[in-house]
Amino acid sequence: MSTTTDIVAKLWSLCNVLRDDGVTYNEYVTELTYLLFLKMLEETGREERLPKDWRWGLLAKREGLEQLDYYKAMLLELGKAKDALVSAIFIDAQTRLRKPTNLKALTSNIDQLDWFSAREEGLGNLYEGLLEKNAADKKSGAGQYFTPRPLIDCIVRLMQPQPGEVIQDPAGGTAGFLVAADRYIKDHTDDLYTLTEQQAFFQRHNAFSGAELVPDTHRLSMMNLLLHGIEGGMENIDTLSPDGESLPKANLILTNPPFGTKKGGGRPTRSDFSITADTSNKQLAFVEHIVRALAPGGRAAVVIPDNVLFEDNTGRRLRTWLMDLCDLHTILRLPTGIFYAQGVKTNVLFFRRGKSAKGNTKAVWVYDMRANAPAYGKTRPLTVADFADFEKAYGADANGGSKRRDGGKDSRWRKFDRAAISGRNDNLDISWLRDTEAEAEETLTEPEDIAAAIIGHLKAALEEIETLSEELEPDSVEEASAVAEVAE
């Protein structure tokens, strides 16, 4: 077991200490973020970023109620700190700890960890380990902010982020895509040492941008970026509001937007939206943002649910618009069971923004990783090896320009030219292999996976009903959503 794995296991086990305080896993990770940030600044010799009266050593040496009171005051003070990163992490911070003994248990255990070895292995890896533990707990609901790392790494390898590029995630979650892109660039630049000082500064301060709407998740993303040597970059804003227009034009966009409809049936309030301005479907609106946010020649890889591929009206207009402005060259049809909601069917769209506004998509290659796939879940997690055949078929060109070969109707890999797609009314929900998904789910053995599959199917059915209802009577769905929101 590596030191990082060992520390993650020890920190995670401390969560049991806090059960008496009624602290959930999600709240525990947020609480740890405050404490680890303070401890890591001490460990890395960067405590000058904190006011001299509010530092780890002063907290750790205190005892009992005095320590808890000091900690509460510390959270308030650091939320007002002059250092932008410090204030971003501690803004509106509150502790869920009520018993002084629990805070003492946390500070004592954190002090006793092997921080020297952890620094050697990378503090960012340690924090990613905690986020992954939290995401694996389905009750916390944190999984929606955590895209499986093997999928992220596959997408990043194919998109090949380069030094000097502006890389954006408009639905940032815990910043997994940005961290993976940064790691890819560092692996190819000897940890930025092959770059000039100016180029390295750009990578640390200006290369990455993103948005995360949920304040606590935004806090986790800032911490994650910091521990990977990236300052800032993630805004606590709603991409589908006018704030989203301030995100810089990007050379590369990597993202997994949230599924479902905007709360209360709300619609995007962006003044620059024309295709999805009247829909509450968040995935459709995010796709419009991505196309608009790409610089000419910029490329994107985005995880989207099936409804984006087949939805009529706004969905069809969006796909037609996307294929005109961009070269939508590849679609990866992902297997079910790899996300927090078992029944949700998802895909990855790979496209490049063209330099003209018409006819950029000539053909779409589709890889079916879904038909006859194993039942992914707790007993069969997704791995890097699962993407090997797709990556080989995709080829070495990030923009899908490698020589490719259609494998025929029995293959997972096929080509559909633009005329054929037009003949389908621009419906991209293309499948040709026999789908044995139902049989695959029958092999699930863990009660947690079976329950997740049932919930996923029910959610997917509800979303399809809502979509259909919205197309028939948009106002009635909005009213129903408003009633549901009031009832929550």
Protein backbone atom coordinates (compact mmCIF):
# COMPACT_ATOMS: atom_id res chain seq x y z
CA MET A 1 0.00 0.00 0.00
CA SER A 2 1.42 3.41 -0.96
CA THR A 3 1.71 6.17 1.61
CA THR A 4 -1.04 8.12 -0.16
CA THR A 5 -3.42 5.15 -0.11
CA ASP A 6 -2.59 4.55 3.53
CA ILE A 7 -3.30 8.18 4.48
CA VAL A 8 -6.55 8.23 2.52
CA ALA A 9 -7.68 5.09 4.37
CA LYS A 10 -6.76 6.61 7.74
CA LEU A 11 -8.46 9.92 7.01
CA TRP A 12 -11.55 8.14 5.74
CA SER A 13 -11.76 5.97 8.83
CA LEU A 14 -11.89 9.14 10.95
CA CYS A 15 -15.34 9.77 9.51
CA ASN A 16 -16.61 7.15 11.94
CA VAL A 17 -15.47 9.44 14.76
CA LEU A 18 -17.91 12.06 13.57
CA ARG A 19 -21.04 9.96 13.30
CA ASP A 20 -22.11 11.03 16.77
CA ASP A 21 -22.09 14.60 15.50
CA GLY A 22 -24.44 13.59 12.65
CA VAL A 23 -21.83 14.47 10.01
CA THR A 24 -22.37 12.90 6.56
CA TYR A 25 -19.57 11.75 4.25
CA ASN A 26 -20.06 14.80 2.05
CA GLU A 27 -19.90 17.16 5.03
CA TYR A 28 -16.90 15.26 6.33
CA VAL A 29 -14.94 15.84 3.12
CA THR A 30 -15.80 19.54 3.29
CA GLU A 31 -14.68 19.64 6.95
CA LEU A 32 -11.46 17.85 6.04
CA THR A 33 -10.89 20.35 3.24
CA TYR A 34 -10.72 23.19 5.79
CA LEU A 35 -8.35 21.30 8.08
CA LEU A 36 -6.15 19.83 5.34
CA PHE A 37 -5.79 23.20 3.64
CA LEU A 38 -4.41 24.68 6.87
CA LYS A 39 -2.15 21.69 7.53
CA MET A 40 -0.85 21.55 3.97
CA LEU A 41 0.08 25.25 3.97
CA GLU A 42 2.15 24.54 7.08
CA GLU A 43 3.71 21.43 5.52
CA THR A 44 4.59 23.22 2.28
CA GLY A 45 5.90 26.38 3.97
CA ARG A 46 3.24 28.67 2.52
CA GLU A 47 1.55 29.84 5.71
CA GLU A 48 2.29 33.45 4.84
CA ARG A 49 -0.93 33.31 2.79
CA LEU A 50 -2.84 33.19 6.09
CA PRO A 51 -3.22 35.96 8.70
CA LYS A 52 -0.61 35.27 11.42
CA ASP A 53 -3.28 34.75 14.10
CA TRP A 54 -5.09 32.00 12.21
CA ARG A 55 -2.77 29.13 11.40
CA TRP A 56 -2.64 25.34 11.86
CA GLY A 57 -0.18 25.33 14.77
CA LEU A 58 -2.33 27.71 16.78
CA LEU A 59 -5.37 25.52 16.16
CA ALA A 60 -3.70 22.16 16.80
CA LYS A 61 -2.18 23.11 20.16
CA ARG A 62 -5.50 24.17 21.68
CA GLU A 63 -7.71 21.85 23.72
CA GLY A 64 -11.38 21.35 24.47
CA LEU A 65 -13.99 24.04 24.01
CA GLU A 66 -11.31 26.68 23.51
CA GLN A 67 -10.13 24.81 20.41
CA LEU A 68 -13.65 24.48 18.98
CA ASP A 69 -14.41 28.16 19.59
CA TYR A 70 -11.09 29.15 18.00
CA TYR A 71 -11.87 26.93 14.98
CA LYS A 72 -15.31 28.51 14.49
CA ALA A 73 -13.83 32.01 14.66
CA MET A 74 -11.03 30.92 12.32
CA LEU A 75 -13.48 29.83 9.62
CA LEU A 76 -15.23 33.21 9.76
CA GLU A 77 -11.96 35.19 9.63
CA LEU A 78 -10.45 33.19 6.77
CA GLY A 79 -13.62 33.70 4.72
CA LYS A 80 -12.69 37.41 4.78
CA ALA A 81 -8.96 36.87 4.03
CA LYS A 82 -7.21 39.17 1.55
CA ASP A 83 -5.73 36.18 -0.30
CA ALA A 84 -8.29 35.37 -3.03
CA LEU A 85 -7.72 31.61 -2.89
CA VAL A 86 -7.99 31.47 0.90
CA SER A 87 -11.23 33.46 0.92
CA ALA A 88 -12.63 31.33 -1.93
CA ILE A 89 -12.09 28.15 0.06
CA PHE A 90 -13.40 29.52 3.36
CA ILE A 91 -16.22 31.77 2.20
CA ASP A 92 -19.43 30.95 4.12
CA ALA A 93 -17.58 28.09 5.82
CA GLN A 94 -19.28 26.58 8.84
CA THR A 95 -18.32 23.57 10.92
CA ARG A 96 -20.72 20.71 11.61
CA LEU A 97 -18.63 19.65 14.60
CA ARG A 98 -20.33 20.08 17.95
CA LYS A 99 -18.14 18.05 20.30
CA PRO A 100 -14.65 19.41 21.13
CA THR A 101 -13.35 15.83 21.44
CA ASN A 102 -14.14 15.16 17.77
CA LEU A 103 -12.21 18.22 16.57
CA LYS A 104 -9.27 17.19 18.76
CA ALA A 105 -9.40 13.68 17.30
CA LEU A 106 -9.19 15.13 13.79
CA THR A 107 -6.35 17.59 14.45
CA SER A 108 -4.32 15.00 16.39
CA ASN A 109 -4.70 12.30 13.73
CA ILE A 110 -3.90 14.73 10.89
CA ASP A 111 -0.74 15.83 12.75
CA GLN A 112 0.40 12.22 13.15
CA LEU A 113 0.17 11.31 9.44
CA ASP A 114 3.30 10.71 7.36
CA TRP A 115 3.28 14.07 5.58
CA PHE A 116 6.87 13.82 4.32
CA SER A 117 6.04 10.72 2.24
CA ALA A 118 2.69 12.20 1.21
CA ARG A 119 4.46 15.28 -0.20
CA GLU A 120 6.80 13.01 -2.14
CA GLU A 121 3.89 11.13 -3.71
CA GLY A 122 1.84 14.29 -4.32
CA LEU A 123 -0.71 15.93 -2.04
CA GLY A 124 -3.09 16.26 -4.98
CA ASN A 125 -3.25 12.49 -5.33
CA LEU A 126 -4.14 12.24 -1.67
CA TYR A 127 -7.03 14.66 -2.06
CA GLU A 128 -8.26 12.96 -5.25
CA GLY A 129 -8.35 9.73 -3.23
CA LEU A 130 -10.64 11.34 -0.67
CA LEU A 131 -12.93 12.73 -3.38
CA GLU A 132 -13.13 9.28 -5.00
CA LYS A 133 -14.05 7.68 -1.66
CA ASN A 134 -16.79 10.26 -1.22
CA ALA A 135 -18.11 9.75 -4.75
CA ALA A 136 -18.24 5.97 -4.24
CA ASP A 137 -20.72 6.50 -1.42
CA LYS A 138 -24.00 6.67 -3.32
CA LYS A 139 -25.90 7.99 -0.30
CA SER A 140 -23.81 11.16 -0.32
CA GLY A 141 -24.98 12.03 -3.81
CA ALA A 142 -21.44 13.22 -4.55
CA GLY A 143 -21.09 10.81 -7.46
CA GLN A 144 -22.84 13.27 -9.73
CA TYR A 145 -19.80 15.53 -9.44
CA PHE A 146 -17.32 12.73 -10.05
CA THR A 147 -16.80 11.34 -13.55
CA PRO A 148 -15.08 7.91 -13.46
CA ARG A 149 -11.33 8.51 -13.67
CA PRO A 150 -10.69 5.81 -16.34
CA LEU A 151 -13.19 7.65 -18.61
CA ILE A 152 -11.60 11.04 -17.91
CA ASP A 153 -8.11 9.69 -18.59
CA CYS A 154 -9.27 8.06 -21.86
CA ILE A 155 -10.80 11.35 -23.07
CA VAL A 156 -7.71 13.35 -22.09
CA ARG A 157 -5.36 10.92 -23.85
CA LEU A 158 -7.42 11.25 -27.05
CA MET A 159 -7.77 15.05 -26.87
CA GLN A 160 -4.03 15.57 -26.13
CA PRO A 161 -4.11 18.93 -24.29
CA GLN A 162 -1.11 21.09 -25.21
CA PRO A 163 0.90 23.73 -23.33
CA GLY A 164 -0.39 27.22 -24.14
CA GLU A 165 -3.96 26.11 -24.74
CA VAL A 166 -6.90 27.50 -22.76
CA ILE A 167 -8.75 24.48 -21.38
CA GLN A 168 -12.26 24.85 -19.98
CA ASP A 169 -14.78 22.77 -18.03
CA PRO A 170 -18.07 24.72 -17.80
CA ALA A 171 -19.57 22.13 -15.38
CA GLY A 172 -16.43 21.63 -13.33
CA GLY A 173 -17.54 19.46 -10.39
CA THR A 174 -14.42 18.67 -8.37
CA ALA A 175 -12.18 19.67 -11.34
CA GLY A 176 -11.33 16.11 -12.41
CA PHE A 177 -11.04 16.97 -16.11
CA LEU A 178 -8.81 20.01 -15.51
CA VAL A 179 -6.56 18.11 -13.11
CA ALA A 180 -6.19 15.25 -15.61
CA ALA A 181 -5.40 17.68 -18.46
CA ASP A 182 -2.79 19.37 -16.27
CA ARG A 183 -1.24 16.00 -15.42
CA TYR A 184 -1.10 15.06 -19.13
CA ILE A 185 0.72 18.32 -19.98
CA LYS A 186 3.15 17.92 -17.06
CA ASP A 187 3.89 14.33 -18.10
CA HIS A 188 4.83 15.61 -21.57
CA THR A 189 6.88 18.61 -20.41
CA ASP A 190 8.98 17.08 -17.62
CA ASP A 191 6.69 18.68 -15.04
CA LEU A 192 6.75 22.01 -17.00
CA TYR A 193 10.59 22.16 -16.86
CA THR A 194 10.91 22.02 -20.66
CA LEU A 195 8.79 25.19 -20.92
CA THR A 196 10.02 28.75 -20.60
CA GLU A 197 9.35 30.55 -17.32
CA GLN A 198 6.59 32.55 -19.02
CA GLN A 199 4.96 29.42 -20.45
CA ALA A 200 5.10 27.65 -17.07
CA PHE A 201 3.50 30.68 -15.40
CA PHE A 202 0.67 30.54 -17.95
CA GLN A 203 0.09 26.85 -17.15
CA ARG A 204 -0.12 27.51 -13.43
CA HIS A 205 -2.26 30.63 -13.56
CA ASN A 206 -4.13 31.07 -16.85
CA ALA A 207 -4.41 27.79 -18.76
CA PHE A 208 -7.45 26.41 -16.97
CA SER A 209 -10.93 27.88 -16.56
CA GLY A 210 -14.22 26.51 -15.43
CA ALA A 211 -17.47 26.99 -13.57
CA GLU A 212 -19.15 25.12 -10.75
CA LEU A 213 -22.57 26.20 -9.51
CA VAL A 214 -22.71 24.39 -6.12
CA PRO A 215 -20.69 26.32 -3.48
CA ASP A 216 -19.42 23.30 -1.50
CA THR A 217 -18.38 21.47 -4.67
CA HIS A 218 -16.67 24.65 -5.89
CA ARG A 219 -14.70 24.67 -2.62
CA LEU A 220 -13.54 21.10 -3.26
CA SER A 221 -12.54 21.96 -6.84
CA MET A 222 -10.43 24.93 -5.70
CA MET A 223 -8.64 22.74 -3.19
CA ASN A 224 -8.10 20.01 -5.79
CA LEU A 225 -6.61 22.48 -8.28
CA LEU A 226 -4.38 24.06 -5.63
CA LEU A 227 -2.94 20.72 -4.56
CA HIS A 228 -2.09 20.00 -8.20
CA GLY A 229 -0.20 23.28 -8.51
CA ILE A 230 -2.93 25.30 -10.24
CA GLU A 231 -4.02 28.66 -8.82
CA GLY A 232 -7.71 29.48 -9.24
CA GLY A 233 -9.38 28.93 -12.59
CA MET A 234 -12.75 27.70 -11.29
CA GLU A 235 -15.55 30.25 -10.86
CA ASN A 236 -18.54 29.73 -8.56
CA ILE A 237 -21.08 30.69 -11.24
CA ASP A 238 -23.96 29.28 -13.27
CA THR A 239 -22.71 28.72 -16.82
CA LEU A 240 -26.27 28.96 -18.14
CA SER A 241 -26.70 32.46 -16.65
CA PRO A 242 -25.15 35.67 -18.04
CA ASP A 243 -22.12 34.91 -15.81
CA GLY A 244 -21.29 32.04 -18.18
CA GLU A 245 -20.63 34.52 -21.00
CA SER A 246 -17.55 35.72 -19.09
CA LEU A 247 -15.75 32.37 -19.44
CA PRO A 248 -12.85 32.83 -21.88
CA LYS A 249 -12.85 31.32 -25.37
CA ALA A 250 -11.25 27.90 -25.16
CA ASN A 251 -8.98 25.81 -27.36
CA LEU A 252 -10.20 22.67 -25.61
CA ILE A 253 -13.37 21.95 -23.61
CA LEU A 254 -13.67 18.77 -21.55
CA THR A 255 -16.84 18.31 -19.53
CA ASN A 256 -19.61 16.15 -18.14
CA PRO A 257 -22.58 18.52 -17.70
CA PRO A 258 -25.26 17.75 -15.09
CA PHE A 259 -28.19 15.63 -16.23
CA GLY A 260 -31.86 16.57 -15.94
CA THR A 261 -33.78 19.82 -16.18
CA LYS A 262 -33.11 23.14 -14.49
CA LYS A 263 -34.78 23.38 -11.10
CA GLY A 264 -38.28 24.84 -11.28
CA GLY A 265 -38.35 24.36 -15.05
CA GLY A 266 -36.12 27.42 -15.40
CA ARG A 267 -34.53 28.20 -18.73
CA PRO A 268 -31.09 29.57 -19.59
CA THR A 269 -30.86 33.32 -19.10
CA ARG A 270 -27.93 33.81 -21.47
CA SER A 271 -28.43 36.67 -23.91
CA ASP A 272 -26.25 34.91 -26.50
CA PHE A 273 -28.30 31.67 -26.60
CA SER A 274 -30.57 31.24 -29.60
CA ILE A 275 -31.02 27.47 -30.03
CA THR A 276 -31.79 26.41 -26.45
CA ALA A 277 -33.15 29.66 -25.00
CA ASP A 278 -36.61 28.14 -24.51
CA THR A 279 -35.72 24.76 -23.02
CA SER A 280 -35.14 23.73 -19.40
CA ASN A 281 -33.04 20.75 -20.56
CA LYS A 282 -29.61 21.48 -19.09
CA GLN A 283 -27.66 19.11 -21.32
CA LEU A 284 -28.92 20.76 -24.51
CA ALA A 285 -28.11 24.22 -23.14
CA PHE A 286 -24.60 23.15 -22.11
CA VAL A 287 -23.92 21.87 -25.63
CA GLU A 288 -24.87 25.31 -27.01
CA HIS A 289 -22.50 26.93 -24.51
CA ILE A 290 -19.66 24.59 -25.52
CA VAL A 291 -20.04 25.32 -29.24
CA ARG A 292 -20.15 29.08 -28.57
CA ALA A 293 -17.21 28.96 -26.14
CA LEU A 294 -14.85 27.17 -28.53
CA ALA A 295 -12.29 29.27 -30.36
CA PRO A 296 -12.13 28.65 -34.15
CA GLY A 297 -10.44 25.28 -34.57
CA GLY A 298 -11.00 24.48 -30.89
CA ARG A 299 -11.98 20.92 -29.95
CA ALA A 300 -14.30 19.41 -27.37
CA ALA A 301 -15.21 16.12 -25.74
CA VAL A 302 -18.47 16.17 -23.79
CA VAL A 303 -20.38 13.45 -21.92
CA ILE A 304 -24.09 13.62 -22.69
CA PRO A 305 -27.11 11.36 -22.07
CA ASP A 306 -28.95 9.63 -24.92
CA ASN A 307 -31.77 12.18 -25.10
CA VAL A 308 -29.40 14.75 -26.65
CA LEU A 309 -28.96 12.34 -29.56
CA PHE A 310 -32.63 11.74 -30.30
CA GLU A 311 -34.77 14.50 -28.75
CA ASP A 312 -36.97 16.25 -31.31
CA ASN A 313 -37.65 19.99 -31.76
CA THR A 314 -34.96 21.87 -29.77
CA GLY A 315 -32.78 18.75 -29.68
CA ARG A 316 -32.91 18.28 -33.45
CA ARG A 317 -32.25 21.98 -34.12
CA LEU A 318 -29.26 21.83 -31.77
CA ARG A 319 -27.77 18.76 -33.52
CA THR A 320 -28.23 20.32 -36.97
CA TRP A 321 -26.63 23.56 -35.74
CA LEU A 322 -23.79 21.64 -34.09
CA MET A 323 -23.02 19.62 -37.22
CA ASP A 324 -23.05 22.78 -39.35
CA LEU A 325 -20.69 24.80 -37.12
CA CYS A 326 -18.51 21.90 -36.01
CA ASP A 327 -17.00 18.70 -37.32
CA LEU A 328 -18.77 16.14 -35.14
CA HIS A 329 -16.42 13.32 -36.07
CA THR A 330 -16.87 10.74 -33.31
CA ILE A 331 -19.50 9.44 -30.90
CA LEU A 332 -18.62 6.92 -28.18
CA ARG A 333 -21.69 5.09 -26.87
CA LEU A 334 -20.86 4.32 -23.25
CA PRO A 335 -22.11 1.27 -21.35
CA THR A 336 -24.63 1.70 -18.55
CA GLY A 337 -23.72 1.39 -14.90
CA ILE A 338 -20.58 3.51 -14.94
CA PHE A 339 -22.20 6.60 -13.39
CA TYR A 340 -23.94 7.21 -10.08
CA ALA A 341 -27.29 6.54 -11.73
CA GLN A 342 -27.14 2.98 -13.03
CA GLY A 343 -29.81 3.20 -15.74
CA VAL A 344 -28.63 6.45 -17.34
CA LYS A 345 -27.35 5.87 -20.87
CA THR A 346 -24.54 8.18 -21.89
CA ASN A 347 -22.21 9.01 -24.77
CA VAL A 348 -19.14 11.10 -25.46
CA LEU A 349 -19.33 13.55 -28.37
CA PHE A 350 -15.98 14.52 -29.93
CA PHE A 351 -16.05 17.56 -32.20
CA ARG A 352 -14.03 20.47 -33.54
CA ARG A 353 -15.27 24.01 -34.17
CA GLY A 354 -15.01 24.88 -37.87
CA LYS A 355 -13.85 28.17 -39.33
CA SER A 356 -17.07 28.59 -41.32
CA ALA A 357 -20.71 28.32 -40.21
CA LYS A 358 -21.85 25.63 -42.64
CA GLY A 359 -21.22 22.02 -43.55
CA ASN A 360 -18.36 21.19 -41.21
CA THR A 361 -19.51 17.64 -40.45
CA LYS A 362 -18.89 15.30 -43.38
CA ALA A 363 -19.29 11.98 -41.54
CA VAL A 364 -19.75 10.68 -37.99
CA TRP A 365 -17.93 7.61 -36.67
CA VAL A 366 -19.79 5.73 -33.95
CA TYR A 367 -18.19 3.27 -31.50
CA ASP A 368 -20.69 1.06 -29.64
CA MET A 369 -19.17 0.16 -26.28
CA ARG A 370 -22.64 -0.57 -24.90
CA ALA A 371 -24.03 -3.66 -26.67
CA ASN A 372 -22.98 -6.92 -25.06
CA ALA A 373 -20.97 -5.02 -22.46
CA PRO A 374 -20.50 -6.45 -18.97
CA ALA A 375 -22.70 -5.16 -16.14
CA TYR A 376 -20.54 -2.45 -14.61
CA GLY A 377 -20.99 -1.66 -10.93
CA LYS A 378 -19.47 -2.34 -7.55
CA THR A 379 -18.28 -5.84 -8.48
CA ARG A 380 -17.15 -4.89 -12.02
CA PRO A 381 -15.79 -1.32 -11.97
CA LEU A 382 -14.74 0.48 -15.14
CA THR A 383 -11.00 0.21 -15.88
CA VAL A 384 -8.49 1.82 -18.24
CA ALA A 385 -8.27 -1.46 -20.20
CA ASP A 386 -11.99 -1.21 -21.09
CA PHE A 387 -11.18 1.72 -23.42
CA ALA A 388 -8.18 0.17 -25.19
CA ASP A 389 -10.04 -1.00 -28.33
CA PHE A 390 -11.86 2.34 -28.71
CA GLU A 391 -8.65 4.33 -28.34
CA LYS A 392 -6.98 2.16 -30.98
CA ALA A 393 -9.92 2.69 -33.37
CA TYR A 394 -10.00 6.47 -32.66
CA GLY A 395 -6.39 6.86 -33.75
CA ALA A 396 -3.61 9.31 -32.94
CA ASP A 397 -5.21 12.47 -34.38
CA ALA A 398 -7.09 14.36 -31.64
CA ASN A 399 -9.48 15.76 -34.27
CA GLY A 400 -10.48 12.35 -35.62
CA GLY A 401 -8.37 12.69 -38.76
CA SER A 402 -6.49 9.40 -38.45
CA LYS A 403 -7.06 6.71 -41.04
CA ARG A 404 -10.06 4.69 -39.89
CA ARG A 405 -11.75 1.53 -41.15
CA ASP A 406 -15.48 0.77 -40.92
CA GLY A 407 -15.70 -2.71 -39.39
CA GLY A 408 -19.12 -3.54 -40.86
CA LYS A 409 -22.43 -4.46 -39.26
CA ASP A 410 -20.91 -6.97 -36.81
CA SER A 411 -18.27 -4.51 -35.61
CA ARG A 412 -18.48 -1.93 -32.81
CA TRP A 413 -16.97 0.76 -35.09
CA ARG A 414 -18.90 2.21 -38.04
CA LYS A 415 -19.03 5.31 -40.23
CA PHE A 416 -22.20 7.24 -41.16
CA ASP A 417 -21.90 10.03 -43.71
CA ARG A 418 -23.78 13.32 -43.35
CA ALA A 419 -26.37 12.41 -46.02
CA ALA A 420 -27.28 9.21 -44.15
CA ILE A 421 -27.71 11.19 -40.93
CA SER A 422 -29.88 13.77 -42.73
CA GLY A 423 -32.02 10.85 -43.87
CA ARG A 424 -32.56 10.06 -40.17
CA ASN A 425 -33.79 13.63 -39.56
CA ASP A 426 -30.44 14.29 -37.82
CA ASN A 427 -31.21 11.67 -35.18
CA LEU A 428 -27.85 10.45 -33.86
CA ASP A 429 -29.21 7.68 -31.65
CA ILE A 430 -27.55 5.12 -33.91
CA SER A 431 -27.22 1.46 -32.95
CA TRP A 432 -26.83 -1.65 -35.05
CA LEU A 433 -25.60 -4.35 -32.67
CA ARG A 434 -28.14 -6.43 -30.75
CA ASP A 435 -28.56 -4.78 -27.34
CA THR A 436 -28.42 -7.33 -24.54
CA GLU A 437 -28.31 -4.74 -21.77
CA ALA A 438 -31.26 -6.39 -19.96
CA GLU A 439 -29.34 -9.69 -19.86
CA ALA A 440 -26.24 -7.91 -18.57
CA GLU A 441 -28.15 -6.36 -15.68
CA GLU A 442 -29.45 -9.78 -14.74
CA THR A 443 -25.89 -10.67 -13.78
CA LEU A 444 -25.75 -7.97 -11.09
CA THR A 445 -25.32 -9.53 -7.66
CA GLU A 446 -24.76 -6.65 -5.25
CA PRO A 447 -28.06 -5.35 -3.77
CA GLU A 448 -26.63 -1.82 -4.06
CA ASP A 449 -26.09 -2.26 -7.83
CA ILE A 450 -29.52 -3.83 -8.35
CA ALA A 451 -31.26 -1.03 -6.45
CA ALA A 452 -29.24 1.57 -8.39
CA ALA A 453 -30.29 -0.06 -11.68
CA ILE A 454 -33.98 0.09 -10.75
CA ILE A 455 -33.70 3.73 -9.62
CA GLY A 456 -31.84 4.60 -12.78
CA HIS A 457 -34.51 3.09 -15.02
CA LEU A 458 -37.25 4.91 -13.12
CA LYS A 459 -35.39 8.23 -13.40
CA ALA A 460 -34.75 7.70 -17.11
CA ALA A 461 -38.44 6.92 -17.68
CA LEU A 462 -39.49 10.01 -15.71
CA GLU A 463 -37.15 12.23 -17.71
CA GLU A 464 -38.51 10.87 -20.99
CA ILE A 465 -42.07 11.55 -19.80
CA GLU A 466 -41.09 15.09 -18.75
CA THR A 467 -39.44 15.71 -22.11
CA LEU A 468 -42.50 14.49 -23.96
CA SER A 469 -44.80 16.57 -21.77
CA GLU A 470 -42.68 19.66 -22.30
CA GLU A 471 -42.92 19.25 -26.05
CA LEU A 472 -46.70 18.93 -25.80
CA GLU A 473 -47.39 21.56 -23.13
CA PRO A 474 -44.30 23.53 -21.99
CA ASP A 475 -46.20 25.64 -19.46
CA SER A 476 -47.74 22.66 -17.65
CA VAL A 477 -44.27 21.16 -17.01
CA GLU A 478 -43.00 24.46 -15.69
CA GLU A 479 -45.96 24.72 -13.33
CA ALA A 480 -45.49 21.10 -12.18
CA SER A 481 -41.78 21.69 -11.56
CA ALA A 482 -42.55 24.83 -9.57
CA VAL A 483 -45.04 22.90 -7.44
CA ALA A 484 -42.48 20.12 -6.88
CA GLU A 485 -39.85 22.69 -5.88
CA VAL A 486 -42.17 24.28 -3.32
CA ALA A 487 -42.94 20.83 -1.95
CA GLU A 488 -39.23 20.02 -1.39
